[in-house]
Amino acid sequence: MPFRSVKQRKYLFANKPKLAKKWAKKYGTKVKK
């Protein structure tokens, strides 16, 4: 499940950095529209 919004991405990097890094590796940091 890729990042759905910039807010979600910021929230994840702030609160769940391990998950955010995993997603960034798998899906890239681009927000899916």
PDB file of N, CA and C in Angstrom:
ATOM      1  N   MET A   1       0.845  -1.189   0.000  1.00  0.00           N
ATOM      2  CA  MET A   1       0.000   0.000   0.000  1.00  0.00           C
ATOM      3  C   MET A   1       0.886   1.247   0.000  1.00  0.00           C
ATOM      4  N   PRO A   2       0.885   1.973  -1.098  1.00  0.00           N
ATOM      5  CA  PRO A   2       1.748   3.160  -1.165  1.00  0.00           C
ATOM      6  C   PRO A   2       1.202   4.319  -0.344  1.00  0.00           C
ATOM      7  N   PHE A   3       2.008   5.332  -0.217  1.00  0.00           N
ATOM      8  CA  PHE A   3       1.565   6.538   0.493  1.00  0.00           C
ATOM      9  C   PHE A   3       0.393   7.152  -0.251  1.00  0.00           C
ATOM     10  N   ARG A   4      -0.653   7.514   0.476  1.00  0.00           N
ATOM     11  CA  ARG A   4      -1.839   8.082  -0.154  1.00  0.00           C
ATOM     12  C   ARG A   4      -1.817   9.603  -0.156  1.00  0.00           C
ATOM     13  N   SER A   5      -1.019  10.185   0.719  1.00  0.00           N
ATOM     14  CA  SER A   5      -0.958  11.643   0.789  1.00  0.00           C
ATOM     15  C   SER A   5       0.361  12.073   1.412  1.00  0.00           C
ATOM     16  N   VAL A   6       0.688  13.321   1.216  1.00  0.00           N
ATOM     17  CA  VAL A   6       1.905  13.863   1.818  1.00  0.00           C
ATOM     18  C   VAL A   6       1.790  13.833   3.337  1.00  0.00           C
ATOM     19  N   LYS A   7       0.598  14.136   3.846  1.00  0.00           N
ATOM     20  CA  LYS A   7       0.381  14.107   5.302  1.00  0.00           C
ATOM     21  C   LYS A   7       0.621  12.713   5.858  1.00  0.00           C
ATOM     22  N   GLN A   8       0.104  11.704   5.146  1.00  0.00           N
ATOM     23  CA  GLN A   8       0.288  10.329   5.612  1.00  0.00           C
ATOM     24  C   GLN A   8       1.775   9.982   5.636  1.00  0.00           C
ATOM     25  N   ARG A   9       2.488  10.388   4.592  1.00  0.00           N
ATOM     26  CA  ARG A   9       3.914  10.096   4.523  1.00  0.00           C
ATOM     27  C   ARG A   9       4.653  10.768   5.674  1.00  0.00           C
ATOM     28  N   LYS A  10       4.352  12.027   5.930  1.00  0.00           N
ATOM     29  CA  LYS A  10       5.000  12.750   7.033  1.00  0.00           C
ATOM     30  C   LYS A  10       4.676  12.097   8.366  1.00  0.00           C
ATOM     31  N   TYR A  11       3.420  11.706   8.533  1.00  0.00           N
ATOM     32  CA  TYR A  11       2.990  11.050   9.768  1.00  0.00           C
ATOM     33  C   TYR A  11       3.765   9.759   9.981  1.00  0.00           C
ATOM     34  N   LEU A  12       3.868   8.954   8.928  1.00  0.00           N
ATOM     35  CA  LEU A  12       4.566   7.680   9.060  1.00  0.00           C
ATOM     36  C   LEU A  12       6.044   7.880   9.373  1.00  0.00           C
ATOM     37  N   PHE A  13       6.704   8.805   8.669  1.00  0.00           N
ATOM     38  CA  PHE A  13       8.122   9.021   8.944  1.00  0.00           C
ATOM     39  C   PHE A  13       8.334   9.537  10.360  1.00  0.00           C
ATOM     40  N   ALA A  14       7.358  10.280  10.884  1.00  0.00           N
ATOM     41  CA  ALA A  14       7.463  10.804  12.242  1.00  0.00           C
ATOM     42  C   ALA A  14       7.180   9.727  13.290  1.00  0.00           C
ATOM     43  N   ASN A  15       6.185   8.880  13.014  1.00  0.00           N
ATOM     44  CA  ASN A  15       5.715   7.946  14.035  1.00  0.00           C
ATOM     45  C   ASN A  15       6.142   6.494  13.828  1.00  0.00           C
ATOM     46  N   LYS A  16       6.298   6.098  12.566  1.00  0.00           N
ATOM     47  CA  LYS A  16       6.690   4.715  12.277  1.00  0.00           C
ATOM     48  C   LYS A  16       7.768   4.701  11.199  1.00  0.00           C
ATOM     49  N   PRO A  17       8.954   5.198  11.558  1.00  0.00           N
ATOM     50  CA  PRO A  17      10.007   5.337  10.548  1.00  0.00           C
ATOM     51  C   PRO A  17      10.413   4.026   9.888  1.00  0.00           C
ATOM     52  N   LYS A  18      10.366   2.922  10.635  1.00  0.00           N
ATOM     53  CA  LYS A  18      10.731   1.632  10.031  1.00  0.00           C
ATOM     54  C   LYS A  18       9.766   1.256   8.916  1.00  0.00           C
ATOM     55  N   LEU A  19       8.476   1.409   9.178  1.00  0.00           N
ATOM     56  CA  LEU A  19       7.458   1.106   8.174  1.00  0.00           C
ATOM     57  C   LEU A  19       7.585   2.070   6.993  1.00  0.00           C
ATOM     58  N   ALA A  20       7.788   3.337   7.288  1.00  0.00           N
ATOM     59  CA  ALA A  20       7.912   4.344   6.235  1.00  0.00           C
ATOM     60  C   ALA A  20       9.096   4.038   5.320  1.00  0.00           C
ATOM     61  N   LYS A  21      10.215   3.635   5.912  1.00  0.00           N
ATOM     62  CA  LYS A  21      11.395   3.307   5.105  1.00  0.00           C
ATOM     63  C   LYS A  21      11.141   2.077   4.246  1.00  0.00           C
ATOM     64  N   LYS A  22      10.439   1.102   4.821  1.00  0.00           N
ATOM     65  CA  LYS A  22      10.104  -0.111   4.076  1.00  0.00           C
ATOM     66  C   LYS A  22       9.246   0.234   2.861  1.00  0.00           C
ATOM     67  N   TRP A  23       8.236   1.055   3.088  1.00  0.00           N
ATOM     68  CA  TRP A  23       7.343   1.487   1.996  1.00  0.00           C
ATOM     69  C   TRP A  23       8.111   2.293   0.962  1.00  0.00           C
ATOM     70  N   ALA A  24       8.991   3.187   1.434  1.00  0.00           N
ATOM     71  CA  ALA A  24       9.759   4.028   0.520  1.00  0.00           C
ATOM     72  C   ALA A  24      10.620   3.158  -0.396  1.00  0.00           C
ATOM     73  N   LYS A  25      11.165   2.085   0.177  1.00  0.00           N
ATOM     74  CA  LYS A  25      11.985   1.167  -0.602  1.00  0.00           C
ATOM     75  C   LYS A  25      11.126   0.410  -1.620  1.00  0.00           C
ATOM     76  N   LYS A  26       9.964  -0.036  -1.174  1.00  0.00           N
ATOM     77  CA  LYS A  26       9.102  -0.874  -2.009  1.00  0.00           C
ATOM     78  C   LYS A  26       8.331  -0.076  -3.059  1.00  0.00           C
ATOM     79  N   TYR A  27       7.817   1.077  -2.670  1.00  0.00           N
ATOM     80  CA  TYR A  27       6.936   1.843  -3.558  1.00  0.00           C
ATOM     81  C   TYR A  27       7.530   3.160  -4.035  1.00  0.00           C
ATOM     82  N   GLY A  28       8.627   3.581  -3.426  1.00  0.00           N
ATOM     83  CA  GLY A  28       9.147   4.916  -3.716  1.00  0.00           C
ATOM     84  C   GLY A  28       8.433   5.934  -2.836  1.00  0.00           C
ATOM     85  N   THR A  29       8.973   7.129  -2.764  1.00  0.00           N
ATOM     86  CA  THR A  29       8.386   8.128  -1.864  1.00  0.00           C
ATOM     87  C   THR A  29       7.333   8.988  -2.557  1.00  0.00           C
ATOM     88  N   LYS A  30       7.109   8.731  -3.842  1.00  0.00           N
ATOM     89  CA  LYS A  30       6.071   9.481  -4.561  1.00  0.00           C
ATOM     90  C   LYS A  30       4.703   9.132  -3.995  1.00  0.00           C
ATOM     91  N   VAL A  31       3.858  10.140  -3.881  1.00  0.00           N
ATOM     92  CA  VAL A  31       2.501   9.938  -3.380  1.00  0.00           C
ATOM     93  C   VAL A  31       1.614   9.487  -4.533  1.00  0.00           C
ATOM     94  N   LYS A  32       0.913   8.379  -4.334  1.00  0.00           N
ATOM     95  CA  LYS A  32       0.003   7.868  -5.363  1.00  0.00           C
ATOM     96  C   LYS A  32      -1.315   8.620  -5.307  1.00  0.00           C
ATOM     97  N   LYS A  33      -1.780   9.061  -6.463  1.00  0.00           N
ATOM     98  CA  LYS A  33      -3.047   9.798  -6.497  1.00  0.00           C
ATOM     99  C   LYS A  33      -4.200   8.830  -6.640  1.00  0.00           C
TER     100      LYS A  33
END
